[in-house]
């Protein structure tokens, strides 16, 4: 089962930073999850929000800032906003896996290019809320594993699972309040694996560990 540090060990360290990623692996995660966006000058950086306001000492939209401007910011504890390459290097160092979430459309090919150059295709699962992005990833590289993230309760489960088949994802990533044991069984019947998020207590971890194939947590201590 994948034990996933969500944005690293984000309960304890600045999210989506190299420090947070390293600490997640050291605390017991087998996998980390992080988000990718593009700067004004086309550099792939690891940050969740559209703007830098919440997670750094700066302000402004990532898409309207150059990489040089982004790099000057403090993302917490003196950490910088990492590049995709730097984040993948941490994963490689720990011989782990990672979930790379596409936060904006149009950067799929660039992301795959970096992954390919680093020879990390087997260590990566590309995730997104955007079905078109996941479809494009599979078209560009059918071997890369992909996962569709869902936040809302699925009313039409058959329609949803047909969509997952159509875009050829390997994983379904439901938010915990939307997943039931019955729905998990149905997802598995269709041949998909499941990552649930976010599970931040050991009690919840024990409840789900035999039902799903991966658990994402802000607190990697729940895995040990």
N, C-alpha and C. Protein backbone atom coordinates (compact mmCIF):
# COMPACT_ATOMS: atom_id res chain seq x y z
N UNK A 1 0.83 -1.20 0.00
CA UNK A 1 0.00 0.00 0.00
C UNK A 1 0.87 1.26 0.00
N UNK A 2 0.44 2.26 -0.75
CA UNK A 2 1.16 3.53 -0.79
C UNK A 2 0.83 4.35 0.46
N UNK A 3 1.87 4.74 1.17
CA UNK A 3 1.74 5.62 2.34
C UNK A 3 2.25 6.99 1.92
N UNK A 4 1.31 7.91 1.70
CA UNK A 4 1.61 9.14 0.98
C UNK A 4 1.64 10.37 1.88
N UNK A 5 2.76 11.06 1.88
CA UNK A 5 2.87 12.33 2.59
C UNK A 5 2.31 13.44 1.71
N UNK A 6 1.15 13.98 2.11
CA UNK A 6 0.45 14.99 1.31
C UNK A 6 1.17 16.33 1.39
N UNK A 7 1.70 16.77 0.25
CA UNK A 7 2.57 17.96 0.18
C UNK A 7 3.76 17.80 1.11
N UNK A 8 4.18 16.54 1.27
CA UNK A 8 5.26 16.20 2.20
C UNK A 8 4.69 15.90 3.57
N UNK A 9 5.46 16.28 4.61
CA UNK A 9 4.97 16.14 5.98
C UNK A 9 4.39 17.49 6.38
N UNK A 10 3.30 17.87 5.71
CA UNK A 10 2.81 19.26 5.76
C UNK A 10 2.19 19.67 7.09
N UNK A 11 1.92 18.70 7.96
CA UNK A 11 1.41 19.07 9.28
C UNK A 11 2.53 19.67 10.15
N UNK A 12 3.77 19.33 9.80
CA UNK A 12 4.90 19.73 10.63
C UNK A 12 5.88 20.69 9.96
N UNK A 13 5.91 20.66 8.63
CA UNK A 13 6.89 21.46 7.89
C UNK A 13 6.20 22.22 6.76
N UNK A 14 6.82 23.27 6.24
CA UNK A 14 6.18 24.05 5.16
C UNK A 14 5.83 23.17 3.96
N UNK A 15 4.57 23.21 3.58
CA UNK A 15 4.08 22.32 2.51
C UNK A 15 4.81 22.53 1.19
N UNK A 16 4.93 21.45 0.44
CA UNK A 16 5.51 21.50 -0.91
C UNK A 16 6.92 22.10 -0.94
N UNK A 17 7.70 21.78 0.10
CA UNK A 17 9.11 22.20 0.10
C UNK A 17 9.99 20.95 0.17
N UNK A 18 11.25 21.10 -0.20
CA UNK A 18 12.17 19.96 -0.17
C UNK A 18 12.32 19.44 1.26
N UNK A 19 12.31 20.34 2.23
CA UNK A 19 12.39 19.93 3.63
C UNK A 19 11.20 19.04 4.00
N UNK A 20 10.03 19.46 3.61
CA UNK A 20 8.81 18.70 3.90
C UNK A 20 8.83 17.32 3.25
N UNK A 21 9.35 17.25 2.02
CA UNK A 21 9.42 15.97 1.31
C UNK A 21 10.41 15.01 1.99
N UNK A 22 11.58 15.53 2.33
CA UNK A 22 12.60 14.69 2.99
C UNK A 22 12.07 14.17 4.32
N UNK A 23 11.45 15.05 5.09
CA UNK A 23 10.94 14.65 6.41
C UNK A 23 9.82 13.62 6.29
N UNK A 24 9.00 13.74 5.25
CA UNK A 24 7.92 12.75 5.05
C UNK A 24 8.49 11.35 4.87
N UNK A 25 9.51 11.24 4.03
CA UNK A 25 10.15 9.92 3.83
C UNK A 25 10.79 9.43 5.14
N UNK A 26 11.45 10.34 5.84
CA UNK A 26 12.12 9.95 7.09
C UNK A 26 11.12 9.53 8.17
N UNK A 27 9.90 10.07 8.09
CA UNK A 27 8.87 9.76 9.09
C UNK A 27 8.05 8.52 8.75
N UNK A 28 8.30 7.90 7.61
CA UNK A 28 7.61 6.65 7.31
C UNK A 28 6.79 6.60 6.04
N UNK A 29 6.73 7.71 5.29
CA UNK A 29 6.01 7.69 4.01
C UNK A 29 6.82 6.91 2.97
N UNK A 30 6.12 6.21 2.10
CA UNK A 30 6.78 5.53 0.98
C UNK A 30 6.69 6.38 -0.28
N UNK A 31 5.83 7.39 -0.20
CA UNK A 31 5.43 8.19 -1.36
C UNK A 31 5.17 9.61 -0.89
N UNK A 32 5.42 10.59 -1.77
CA UNK A 32 5.00 11.96 -1.45
C UNK A 32 4.08 12.46 -2.55
N UNK A 33 3.29 13.47 -2.20
CA UNK A 33 2.37 14.09 -3.16
C UNK A 33 2.72 15.57 -3.24
N UNK A 34 2.75 16.11 -4.47
CA UNK A 34 2.98 17.55 -4.62
C UNK A 34 2.30 18.07 -5.88
N UNK A 35 2.22 19.40 -5.97
CA UNK A 35 1.46 20.09 -7.02
C UNK A 35 2.39 20.86 -7.94
N UNK A 36 2.04 20.89 -9.23
CA UNK A 36 2.91 21.57 -10.20
C UNK A 36 2.16 22.65 -10.97
N UNK A 37 2.81 23.82 -11.05
CA UNK A 37 2.34 24.95 -11.84
C UNK A 37 3.49 25.49 -12.68
N UNK A 38 3.17 26.46 -13.54
CA UNK A 38 4.18 27.03 -14.42
C UNK A 38 4.34 28.54 -14.17
N UNK A 39 5.59 29.00 -14.13
CA UNK A 39 5.85 30.43 -13.95
C UNK A 39 5.62 31.18 -15.27
N UNK A 40 5.70 32.49 -15.18
CA UNK A 40 5.52 33.35 -16.35
C UNK A 40 6.51 33.00 -17.46
N UNK A 41 7.73 32.63 -17.06
CA UNK A 41 8.77 32.31 -18.05
C UNK A 41 8.91 30.80 -18.31
N UNK A 42 7.85 30.05 -17.96
CA UNK A 42 7.78 28.65 -18.38
C UNK A 42 8.49 27.63 -17.53
N UNK A 43 8.86 27.97 -16.30
CA UNK A 43 9.53 27.03 -15.41
C UNK A 43 8.49 26.28 -14.59
N UNK A 44 8.66 24.97 -14.45
CA UNK A 44 7.73 24.16 -13.66
C UNK A 44 8.13 24.21 -12.19
N UNK A 45 7.21 24.70 -11.36
CA UNK A 45 7.49 24.82 -9.93
C UNK A 45 6.43 24.09 -9.11
N UNK A 46 6.81 23.77 -7.88
CA UNK A 46 5.95 22.98 -7.00
C UNK A 46 5.26 23.91 -6.00
N UNK A 47 3.97 24.15 -6.23
CA UNK A 47 3.16 25.00 -5.36
C UNK A 47 1.69 24.67 -5.60
N UNK A 48 0.88 24.71 -4.55
CA UNK A 48 -0.51 24.32 -4.66
C UNK A 48 -1.40 25.43 -5.22
N UNK A 49 -1.33 26.60 -4.63
CA UNK A 49 -2.26 27.68 -4.97
C UNK A 49 -1.88 28.42 -6.26
N UNK A 50 -2.86 29.11 -6.81
CA UNK A 50 -2.60 29.96 -7.98
C UNK A 50 -1.67 31.12 -7.62
N UNK A 51 -1.79 31.58 -6.38
CA UNK A 51 -0.95 32.70 -5.92
C UNK A 51 0.03 32.21 -4.86
N UNK A 52 1.05 33.04 -4.61
CA UNK A 52 2.06 32.69 -3.62
C UNK A 52 1.69 33.21 -2.23
N UNK A 53 0.56 33.90 -2.11
CA UNK A 53 0.20 34.62 -0.89
C UNK A 53 0.12 33.75 0.37
N UNK A 54 -0.54 32.61 0.27
CA UNK A 54 -0.78 31.79 1.47
C UNK A 54 0.48 31.10 1.98
N UNK A 55 1.32 30.64 1.07
CA UNK A 55 2.43 29.77 1.49
C UNK A 55 3.80 30.43 1.49
N UNK A 56 3.88 31.70 1.11
CA UNK A 56 5.18 32.39 1.12
C UNK A 56 5.04 33.79 1.74
N UNK A 57 6.16 34.49 1.80
CA UNK A 57 6.15 35.87 2.31
C UNK A 57 5.93 36.89 1.20
N UNK A 58 5.52 36.40 0.03
CA UNK A 58 5.28 37.29 -1.11
C UNK A 58 3.80 37.34 -1.47
N UNK A 59 3.51 38.01 -2.58
CA UNK A 59 2.14 38.04 -3.09
C UNK A 59 2.16 38.12 -4.61
N UNK A 60 1.11 37.60 -5.21
CA UNK A 60 1.02 37.60 -6.66
C UNK A 60 0.72 36.23 -7.21
N UNK A 61 0.31 36.20 -8.48
CA UNK A 61 0.00 34.94 -9.15
C UNK A 61 1.28 34.28 -9.67
N UNK A 62 1.35 32.97 -9.52
CA UNK A 62 2.51 32.21 -10.00
C UNK A 62 2.69 32.44 -11.50
N UNK A 63 1.58 32.46 -12.23
CA UNK A 63 1.62 32.60 -13.70
C UNK A 63 2.08 33.98 -14.16
N UNK A 64 2.10 34.94 -13.23
CA UNK A 64 2.52 36.29 -13.58
C UNK A 64 3.89 36.66 -13.00
N UNK A 65 4.55 35.66 -12.42
CA UNK A 65 5.87 35.88 -11.82
C UNK A 65 6.92 35.06 -12.55
N UNK A 66 8.12 35.60 -12.68
CA UNK A 66 9.22 34.85 -13.28
C UNK A 66 9.78 33.88 -12.24
N UNK A 67 10.53 32.92 -12.72
CA UNK A 67 11.15 31.96 -11.80
C UNK A 67 12.09 32.67 -10.84
N UNK A 68 12.80 33.67 -11.33
CA UNK A 68 13.73 34.42 -10.48
C UNK A 68 12.98 35.12 -9.34
N UNK A 69 11.82 35.67 -9.66
CA UNK A 69 11.00 36.33 -8.63
C UNK A 69 10.47 35.33 -7.61
N UNK A 70 10.02 34.18 -8.11
CA UNK A 70 9.50 33.11 -7.25
C UNK A 70 10.58 32.62 -6.29
N UNK A 71 11.80 32.50 -6.81
CA UNK A 71 12.91 31.94 -6.05
C UNK A 71 13.36 32.83 -4.89
N UNK A 72 13.04 34.09 -4.97
CA UNK A 72 13.42 35.03 -3.91
C UNK A 72 12.53 34.88 -2.67
N UNK A 73 11.41 34.22 -2.82
CA UNK A 73 10.43 34.13 -1.73
C UNK A 73 10.82 33.07 -0.70
N UNK A 74 10.36 33.30 0.52
CA UNK A 74 10.53 32.33 1.61
C UNK A 74 9.23 31.54 1.74
N UNK A 75 9.34 30.23 1.54
CA UNK A 75 8.15 29.36 1.62
C UNK A 75 7.99 28.78 3.03
N UNK A 76 8.74 29.32 4.00
CA UNK A 76 8.67 28.85 5.38
C UNK A 76 9.97 28.21 5.81
N UNK A 77 10.46 28.58 7.00
CA UNK A 77 11.72 28.05 7.54
C UNK A 77 12.90 28.24 6.59
N UNK A 78 12.83 29.31 5.80
CA UNK A 78 13.92 29.60 4.86
C UNK A 78 13.91 28.75 3.59
N UNK A 79 12.88 27.92 3.43
CA UNK A 79 12.77 27.06 2.25
C UNK A 79 12.32 27.86 1.02
N UNK A 80 12.77 27.42 -0.14
CA UNK A 80 12.37 28.04 -1.40
C UNK A 80 11.31 27.19 -2.09
N UNK A 81 10.56 27.78 -2.99
CA UNK A 81 9.62 27.01 -3.82
C UNK A 81 10.47 26.15 -4.76
N UNK A 82 10.31 24.82 -4.72
CA UNK A 82 11.17 23.95 -5.54
C UNK A 82 10.71 23.88 -6.99
N UNK A 83 11.64 23.45 -7.82
CA UNK A 83 11.29 23.09 -9.20
C UNK A 83 10.80 21.64 -9.19
N UNK A 84 10.14 21.23 -10.27
CA UNK A 84 9.71 19.84 -10.41
C UNK A 84 10.93 18.91 -10.34
N UNK A 85 11.99 19.31 -11.02
CA UNK A 85 13.22 18.49 -11.05
C UNK A 85 13.78 18.29 -9.64
N UNK A 86 13.79 19.34 -8.84
CA UNK A 86 14.31 19.24 -7.47
C UNK A 86 13.45 18.31 -6.62
N UNK A 87 12.13 18.41 -6.78
CA UNK A 87 11.22 17.54 -6.02
C UNK A 87 11.43 16.08 -6.40
N UNK A 88 11.57 15.82 -7.69
CA UNK A 88 11.79 14.45 -8.16
C UNK A 88 13.14 13.92 -7.68
N UNK A 89 14.11 14.79 -7.54
CA UNK A 89 15.43 14.38 -7.06
C UNK A 89 15.36 13.85 -5.63
N UNK A 90 14.49 14.45 -4.80
CA UNK A 90 14.31 13.96 -3.43
C UNK A 90 13.69 12.56 -3.46
N UNK A 91 12.70 12.38 -4.32
CA UNK A 91 12.04 11.07 -4.46
C UNK A 91 13.07 10.01 -4.87
N UNK A 92 13.92 10.38 -5.80
CA UNK A 92 14.96 9.47 -6.30
C UNK A 92 15.94 9.10 -5.19
N UNK A 93 16.33 10.10 -4.42
CA UNK A 93 17.29 9.89 -3.32
C UNK A 93 16.76 8.87 -2.31
N UNK A 94 15.45 8.93 -2.04
CA UNK A 94 14.85 8.02 -1.06
C UNK A 94 14.29 6.74 -1.70
N UNK A 95 14.52 6.62 -3.02
CA UNK A 95 14.01 5.45 -3.76
C UNK A 95 12.52 5.25 -3.53
N UNK A 96 11.80 6.38 -3.53
CA UNK A 96 10.36 6.34 -3.27
C UNK A 96 9.53 6.55 -4.52
N UNK A 97 8.27 6.87 -4.29
CA UNK A 97 7.34 7.19 -5.38
C UNK A 97 6.75 8.57 -5.11
N UNK A 98 6.07 9.11 -6.13
CA UNK A 98 5.41 10.39 -5.91
C UNK A 98 4.15 10.51 -6.75
N UNK A 99 3.22 11.31 -6.22
CA UNK A 99 2.03 11.72 -6.95
C UNK A 99 2.28 13.15 -7.39
N UNK A 100 2.23 13.37 -8.69
CA UNK A 100 2.45 14.70 -9.25
C UNK A 100 1.11 15.24 -9.72
N UNK A 101 0.58 16.22 -8.99
CA UNK A 101 -0.73 16.75 -9.37
C UNK A 101 -0.61 17.92 -10.33
N UNK A 102 -1.26 17.79 -11.47
CA UNK A 102 -1.30 18.87 -12.46
C UNK A 102 -2.35 19.89 -12.02
N UNK A 103 -1.89 21.10 -11.72
CA UNK A 103 -2.79 22.14 -11.21
C UNK A 103 -3.30 23.08 -12.29
N UNK A 104 -2.73 23.00 -13.48
CA UNK A 104 -3.21 23.84 -14.59
C UNK A 104 -3.03 23.11 -15.91
N UNK A 105 -3.93 23.33 -16.82
CA UNK A 105 -3.89 22.64 -18.11
C UNK A 105 -2.78 23.21 -19.00
N UNK A 106 -2.27 22.35 -19.89
CA UNK A 106 -1.29 22.80 -20.87
C UNK A 106 0.16 22.53 -20.52
N UNK A 107 0.41 21.96 -19.34
CA UNK A 107 1.80 21.71 -18.94
C UNK A 107 2.13 20.21 -18.91
N UNK A 108 1.22 19.41 -19.44
CA UNK A 108 1.36 17.95 -19.38
C UNK A 108 2.66 17.47 -20.05
N UNK A 109 2.89 17.95 -21.27
CA UNK A 109 4.06 17.49 -22.04
C UNK A 109 5.37 17.87 -21.34
N UNK A 110 5.40 19.09 -20.80
CA UNK A 110 6.60 19.56 -20.09
C UNK A 110 6.89 18.69 -18.86
N UNK A 111 5.83 18.35 -18.12
CA UNK A 111 6.00 17.52 -16.93
C UNK A 111 6.55 16.15 -17.32
N UNK A 112 5.96 15.55 -18.34
CA UNK A 112 6.41 14.23 -18.79
C UNK A 112 7.85 14.26 -19.29
N UNK A 113 8.25 15.36 -19.90
CA UNK A 113 9.60 15.50 -20.42
C UNK A 113 10.62 15.47 -19.27
N UNK A 114 10.31 16.18 -18.18
CA UNK A 114 11.21 16.19 -17.01
C UNK A 114 11.29 14.79 -16.40
N UNK A 115 10.14 14.14 -16.26
CA UNK A 115 10.09 12.79 -15.69
C UNK A 115 10.91 11.81 -16.53
N UNK A 116 10.76 11.92 -17.84
CA UNK A 116 11.49 11.03 -18.76
C UNK A 116 13.00 11.25 -18.67
N UNK A 117 13.41 12.51 -18.66
CA UNK A 117 14.85 12.82 -18.59
C UNK A 117 15.47 12.30 -17.31
N UNK A 118 14.67 12.27 -16.23
CA UNK A 118 15.17 11.77 -14.95
C UNK A 118 14.98 10.26 -14.78
N UNK A 119 14.42 9.62 -15.83
CA UNK A 119 14.18 8.18 -15.82
C UNK A 119 13.35 7.75 -14.61
N UNK A 120 12.24 8.48 -14.41
CA UNK A 120 11.42 8.22 -13.23
C UNK A 120 9.98 7.84 -13.56
N UNK A 121 9.78 7.36 -14.79
CA UNK A 121 8.42 7.00 -15.21
C UNK A 121 7.75 5.99 -14.27
N UNK A 122 8.54 5.06 -13.74
CA UNK A 122 7.98 4.01 -12.88
C UNK A 122 7.78 4.46 -11.44
N UNK A 123 8.28 5.64 -11.10
CA UNK A 123 8.17 6.16 -9.73
C UNK A 123 7.06 7.19 -9.58
N UNK A 124 6.37 7.47 -10.68
CA UNK A 124 5.44 8.60 -10.69
C UNK A 124 4.02 8.17 -11.04
N UNK A 125 3.05 8.78 -10.33
CA UNK A 125 1.64 8.71 -10.71
C UNK A 125 1.21 10.15 -10.97
N UNK A 126 0.72 10.43 -12.16
CA UNK A 126 0.24 11.78 -12.48
C UNK A 126 -1.22 11.87 -12.08
N UNK A 127 -1.56 12.86 -11.25
CA UNK A 127 -2.94 13.02 -10.80
C UNK A 127 -3.48 14.39 -11.17
N UNK A 128 -4.80 14.50 -11.20
CA UNK A 128 -5.42 15.80 -11.48
C UNK A 128 -6.94 15.70 -11.30
N UNK A 129 -7.56 16.86 -11.12
CA UNK A 129 -9.01 16.98 -11.21
C UNK A 129 -9.42 17.09 -12.68
N UNK A 130 -8.46 17.45 -13.54
CA UNK A 130 -8.74 17.73 -14.95
C UNK A 130 -8.69 16.44 -15.78
N UNK A 131 -9.84 15.99 -16.24
CA UNK A 131 -9.89 14.75 -17.03
C UNK A 131 -9.12 14.91 -18.35
N UNK A 132 -9.18 16.09 -18.96
CA UNK A 132 -8.50 16.31 -20.24
C UNK A 132 -6.98 16.21 -20.08
N UNK A 133 -6.48 16.69 -18.95
CA UNK A 133 -5.04 16.60 -18.69
C UNK A 133 -4.60 15.15 -18.56
N UNK A 134 -5.40 14.36 -17.84
CA UNK A 134 -5.06 12.95 -17.65
C UNK A 134 -5.16 12.17 -18.96
N UNK A 135 -6.14 12.52 -19.76
CA UNK A 135 -6.31 11.91 -21.09
C UNK A 135 -5.08 12.20 -21.95
N UNK A 136 -4.62 13.44 -21.90
CA UNK A 136 -3.46 13.85 -22.70
C UNK A 136 -2.19 13.14 -22.24
N UNK A 137 -2.03 13.00 -20.93
CA UNK A 137 -0.86 12.29 -20.39
C UNK A 137 -0.79 10.88 -20.95
N UNK A 138 -1.93 10.17 -20.94
CA UNK A 138 -1.97 8.80 -21.45
C UNK A 138 -1.69 8.73 -22.95
N UNK A 139 -2.14 9.75 -23.68
CA UNK A 139 -1.88 9.80 -25.11
C UNK A 139 -0.39 10.00 -25.39
N UNK A 140 0.24 10.82 -24.56
CA UNK A 140 1.66 11.12 -24.73
C UNK A 140 2.55 9.98 -24.24
N UNK A 141 2.12 9.33 -23.15
CA UNK A 141 2.91 8.22 -22.60
C UNK A 141 1.98 7.22 -21.91
N UNK A 142 1.52 6.20 -22.64
CA UNK A 142 0.56 5.23 -22.10
C UNK A 142 1.07 4.46 -20.88
N UNK A 143 2.40 4.42 -20.70
CA UNK A 143 2.97 3.64 -19.60
C UNK A 143 2.89 4.36 -18.25
N UNK A 144 2.76 5.67 -18.29
CA UNK A 144 2.69 6.45 -17.04
C UNK A 144 1.36 6.19 -16.33
N UNK A 145 1.41 5.92 -15.03
CA UNK A 145 0.17 5.73 -14.28
C UNK A 145 -0.48 7.08 -14.01
N UNK A 146 -1.81 7.09 -14.04
CA UNK A 146 -2.56 8.33 -13.81
C UNK A 146 -3.68 8.08 -12.81
N UNK A 147 -4.14 9.18 -12.19
CA UNK A 147 -5.23 9.06 -11.22
C UNK A 147 -6.14 10.28 -11.24
N UNK A 148 -7.44 10.03 -11.20
CA UNK A 148 -8.43 11.10 -11.19
C UNK A 148 -8.83 11.43 -9.75
N UNK A 149 -8.65 12.70 -9.37
CA UNK A 149 -9.01 13.16 -8.03
C UNK A 149 -10.47 13.60 -8.02
N UNK A 150 -11.19 13.20 -6.98
CA UNK A 150 -12.58 13.63 -6.85
C UNK A 150 -12.82 14.19 -5.45
N UNK A 151 -13.62 15.25 -5.39
CA UNK A 151 -13.87 15.90 -4.11
C UNK A 151 -15.33 15.79 -3.70
N UNK A 152 -16.21 15.61 -4.68
CA UNK A 152 -17.65 15.57 -4.41
C UNK A 152 -18.18 14.15 -4.40
N UNK A 153 -19.30 13.95 -3.73
CA UNK A 153 -19.94 12.64 -3.69
C UNK A 153 -20.39 12.26 -5.10
N UNK A 154 -20.06 11.06 -5.52
CA UNK A 154 -20.40 10.61 -6.88
C UNK A 154 -21.84 10.09 -6.87
N UNK A 155 -22.71 10.77 -7.60
CA UNK A 155 -24.12 10.36 -7.64
C UNK A 155 -24.34 9.23 -8.65
N UNK A 156 -23.67 9.33 -9.79
CA UNK A 156 -23.80 8.31 -10.83
C UNK A 156 -22.49 7.51 -10.89
N UNK A 157 -22.41 6.47 -10.07
CA UNK A 157 -21.14 5.73 -9.97
C UNK A 157 -20.76 5.04 -11.28
N UNK A 158 -21.74 4.48 -11.97
CA UNK A 158 -21.45 3.79 -13.24
C UNK A 158 -20.93 4.80 -14.27
N UNK A 159 -21.59 5.94 -14.35
CA UNK A 159 -21.14 6.98 -15.28
C UNK A 159 -19.73 7.45 -14.96
N UNK A 160 -19.45 7.60 -13.67
CA UNK A 160 -18.12 8.02 -13.23
C UNK A 160 -17.06 6.99 -13.59
N UNK A 161 -17.36 5.73 -13.33
CA UNK A 161 -16.39 4.67 -13.61
C UNK A 161 -16.19 4.47 -15.11
N UNK A 162 -17.22 4.70 -15.88
CA UNK A 162 -17.09 4.66 -17.35
C UNK A 162 -16.16 5.77 -17.83
N UNK A 163 -16.29 6.94 -17.21
CA UNK A 163 -15.41 8.06 -17.54
C UNK A 163 -13.96 7.69 -17.23
N UNK A 164 -13.73 7.08 -16.07
CA UNK A 164 -12.38 6.65 -15.69
C UNK A 164 -11.80 5.67 -16.70
N UNK A 165 -12.64 4.75 -17.20
CA UNK A 165 -12.21 3.80 -18.23
C UNK A 165 -11.87 4.53 -19.53
N UNK A 166 -12.71 5.50 -19.88
CA UNK A 166 -12.53 6.24 -21.13
C UNK A 166 -11.21 7.01 -21.16
N UNK A 167 -10.83 7.58 -20.01
CA UNK A 167 -9.58 8.36 -19.99
C UNK A 167 -8.39 7.50 -19.51
N UNK A 168 -8.67 6.21 -19.30
CA UNK A 168 -7.63 5.20 -19.03
C UNK A 168 -6.81 5.45 -17.78
N UNK A 169 -7.45 5.95 -16.72
CA UNK A 169 -6.71 6.15 -15.47
C UNK A 169 -6.48 4.81 -14.77
N UNK A 170 -5.47 4.78 -13.92
CA UNK A 170 -5.16 3.58 -13.13
C UNK A 170 -5.70 3.69 -11.71
N UNK A 171 -5.82 4.94 -11.25
CA UNK A 171 -6.19 5.21 -9.86
C UNK A 171 -7.39 6.14 -9.78
N UNK A 172 -8.16 5.98 -8.71
CA UNK A 172 -9.22 6.93 -8.36
C UNK A 172 -8.86 7.47 -6.98
N UNK A 173 -8.96 8.80 -6.82
CA UNK A 173 -8.54 9.44 -5.56
C UNK A 173 -9.71 10.21 -4.94
N UNK A 174 -10.59 9.51 -4.21
CA UNK A 174 -11.74 10.19 -3.59
C UNK A 174 -11.39 10.83 -2.25
N UNK A 175 -12.02 11.96 -1.96
CA UNK A 175 -11.91 12.58 -0.64
C UNK A 175 -12.65 11.67 0.34
N UNK A 176 -12.13 11.53 1.55
CA UNK A 176 -12.58 10.48 2.47
C UNK A 176 -14.08 10.50 2.77
N UNK A 177 -14.69 11.68 2.84
CA UNK A 177 -16.11 11.74 3.18
C UNK A 177 -17.01 11.22 2.06
N UNK A 178 -16.43 11.04 0.87
CA UNK A 178 -17.22 10.58 -0.28
C UNK A 178 -17.06 9.08 -0.54
N UNK A 179 -16.16 8.43 0.21
CA UNK A 179 -15.90 7.01 -0.04
C UNK A 179 -16.55 6.12 1.00
N UNK A 180 -17.27 5.11 0.51
CA UNK A 180 -17.82 4.08 1.38
C UNK A 180 -17.16 2.75 1.01
N UNK A 181 -17.31 1.77 1.88
CA UNK A 181 -16.74 0.44 1.61
C UNK A 181 -17.36 -0.14 0.33
N UNK A 182 -18.66 0.06 0.17
CA UNK A 182 -19.37 -0.45 -1.01
C UNK A 182 -18.84 0.20 -2.30
N UNK A 183 -18.64 1.52 -2.25
CA UNK A 183 -18.12 2.23 -3.43
C UNK A 183 -16.70 1.79 -3.73
N UNK A 184 -15.91 1.55 -2.68
CA UNK A 184 -14.53 1.07 -2.86
C UNK A 184 -14.53 -0.29 -3.56
N UNK A 185 -15.45 -1.16 -3.17
CA UNK A 185 -15.55 -2.49 -3.80
C UNK A 185 -15.90 -2.36 -5.28
N UNK A 186 -16.80 -1.43 -5.57
CA UNK A 186 -17.21 -1.19 -6.96
C UNK A 186 -16.05 -0.67 -7.80
N UNK A 187 -15.29 0.26 -7.25
CA UNK A 187 -14.12 0.81 -7.95
C UNK A 187 -13.13 -0.31 -8.27
N UNK A 188 -12.89 -1.16 -7.29
CA UNK A 188 -11.96 -2.28 -7.48
C UNK A 188 -12.48 -3.27 -8.54
N UNK A 189 -13.79 -3.50 -8.54
CA UNK A 189 -14.38 -4.42 -9.53
C UNK A 189 -14.10 -3.94 -10.95
N UNK A 190 -14.05 -2.63 -11.12
CA UNK A 190 -13.80 -2.06 -12.45
C UNK A 190 -12.31 -2.03 -12.80
N UNK A 191 -11.48 -2.47 -11.86
CA UNK A 191 -10.05 -2.59 -12.16
C UNK A 191 -9.19 -1.41 -11.77
N UNK A 192 -9.76 -0.48 -11.00
CA UNK A 192 -8.99 0.68 -10.58
C UNK A 192 -8.47 0.50 -9.15
N UNK A 193 -7.36 1.16 -8.86
CA UNK A 193 -6.84 1.20 -7.50
C UNK A 193 -7.29 2.51 -6.85
N UNK A 194 -7.29 2.53 -5.51
CA UNK A 194 -7.85 3.67 -4.77
C UNK A 194 -6.82 4.31 -3.85
N UNK A 195 -6.74 5.65 -3.92
CA UNK A 195 -6.01 6.43 -2.92
C UNK A 195 -7.04 7.33 -2.23
N UNK A 196 -7.12 7.23 -0.92
CA UNK A 196 -8.06 8.06 -0.16
C UNK A 196 -7.30 9.23 0.49
N UNK A 197 -7.96 10.36 0.58
CA UNK A 197 -7.34 11.53 1.23
C UNK A 197 -8.41 12.31 2.00
N UNK A 198 -8.04 13.00 3.03
CA UNK A 198 -6.80 12.98 3.79
C UNK A 198 -7.08 12.27 5.12
N UNK A 199 -6.21 11.36 5.49
CA UNK A 199 -6.38 10.56 6.70
C UNK A 199 -5.29 10.97 7.69
N UNK A 200 -5.69 11.66 8.76
CA UNK A 200 -4.69 12.24 9.66
C UNK A 200 -4.69 11.70 11.08
N UNK A 201 -5.35 10.54 11.28
CA UNK A 201 -5.27 9.89 12.59
C UNK A 201 -5.01 8.40 12.39
N UNK A 202 -4.38 7.79 13.40
CA UNK A 202 -4.06 6.36 13.31
C UNK A 202 -5.32 5.50 13.28
N UNK A 203 -6.38 5.99 13.95
CA UNK A 203 -7.66 5.26 13.97
C UNK A 203 -8.25 5.18 12.56
N UNK A 204 -8.24 6.31 11.89
CA UNK A 204 -8.75 6.35 10.50
C UNK A 204 -7.87 5.50 9.59
N UNK A 205 -6.57 5.56 9.80
CA UNK A 205 -5.64 4.78 8.99
C UNK A 205 -5.96 3.29 9.09
N UNK A 206 -6.17 2.83 10.32
CA UNK A 206 -6.49 1.42 10.54
C UNK A 206 -7.82 1.03 9.91
N UNK A 207 -8.77 1.97 9.92
CA UNK A 207 -10.09 1.73 9.33
C UNK A 207 -9.98 1.48 7.83
N UNK A 208 -9.09 2.22 7.17
CA UNK A 208 -9.05 2.19 5.71
C UNK A 208 -7.93 1.33 5.10
N UNK A 209 -6.93 0.97 5.87
CA UNK A 209 -5.73 0.37 5.28
C UNK A 209 -5.98 -0.94 4.52
N UNK A 210 -7.01 -1.68 4.89
CA UNK A 210 -7.28 -2.95 4.19
C UNK A 210 -8.33 -2.78 3.09
N UNK A 211 -8.86 -1.56 2.95
CA UNK A 211 -9.92 -1.30 1.97
C UNK A 211 -9.36 -0.63 0.72
N UNK A 212 -8.36 0.24 0.90
CA UNK A 212 -7.82 1.01 -0.22
C UNK A 212 -6.38 0.61 -0.52
N UNK A 213 -5.83 1.19 -1.58
CA UNK A 213 -4.48 0.83 -2.04
C UNK A 213 -3.45 1.91 -1.73
N UNK A 214 -3.93 3.05 -1.26
CA UNK A 214 -3.04 4.14 -0.90
C UNK A 214 -3.77 5.11 0.02
N UNK A 215 -3.03 5.66 0.97
CA UNK A 215 -3.60 6.63 1.91
C UNK A 215 -2.72 7.87 1.94
N UNK A 216 -3.33 9.03 1.72
CA UNK A 216 -2.60 10.29 1.76
C UNK A 216 -2.89 11.00 3.09
N UNK A 217 -1.82 11.49 3.72
CA UNK A 217 -1.96 12.14 5.02
C UNK A 217 -1.01 13.33 5.13
N UNK A 218 -1.46 14.34 5.87
CA UNK A 218 -0.56 15.47 6.19
C UNK A 218 0.43 15.07 7.27
N UNK A 219 0.12 13.97 7.96
CA UNK A 219 0.92 13.52 9.11
C UNK A 219 1.44 12.09 8.88
N UNK A 220 2.66 11.95 8.35
CA UNK A 220 3.20 10.61 8.08
C UNK A 220 3.37 9.73 9.31
N UNK A 221 3.24 10.30 10.51
CA UNK A 221 3.34 9.49 11.71
C UNK A 221 2.21 8.47 11.82
N UNK A 222 1.11 8.73 11.12
CA UNK A 222 -0.01 7.76 11.18
C UNK A 222 0.36 6.44 10.53
N UNK A 223 1.41 6.43 9.72
CA UNK A 223 1.80 5.21 9.00
C UNK A 223 2.63 4.26 9.85
N UNK A 224 3.13 4.74 10.99
CA UNK A 224 4.06 3.91 11.76
C UNK A 224 3.44 3.43 13.08
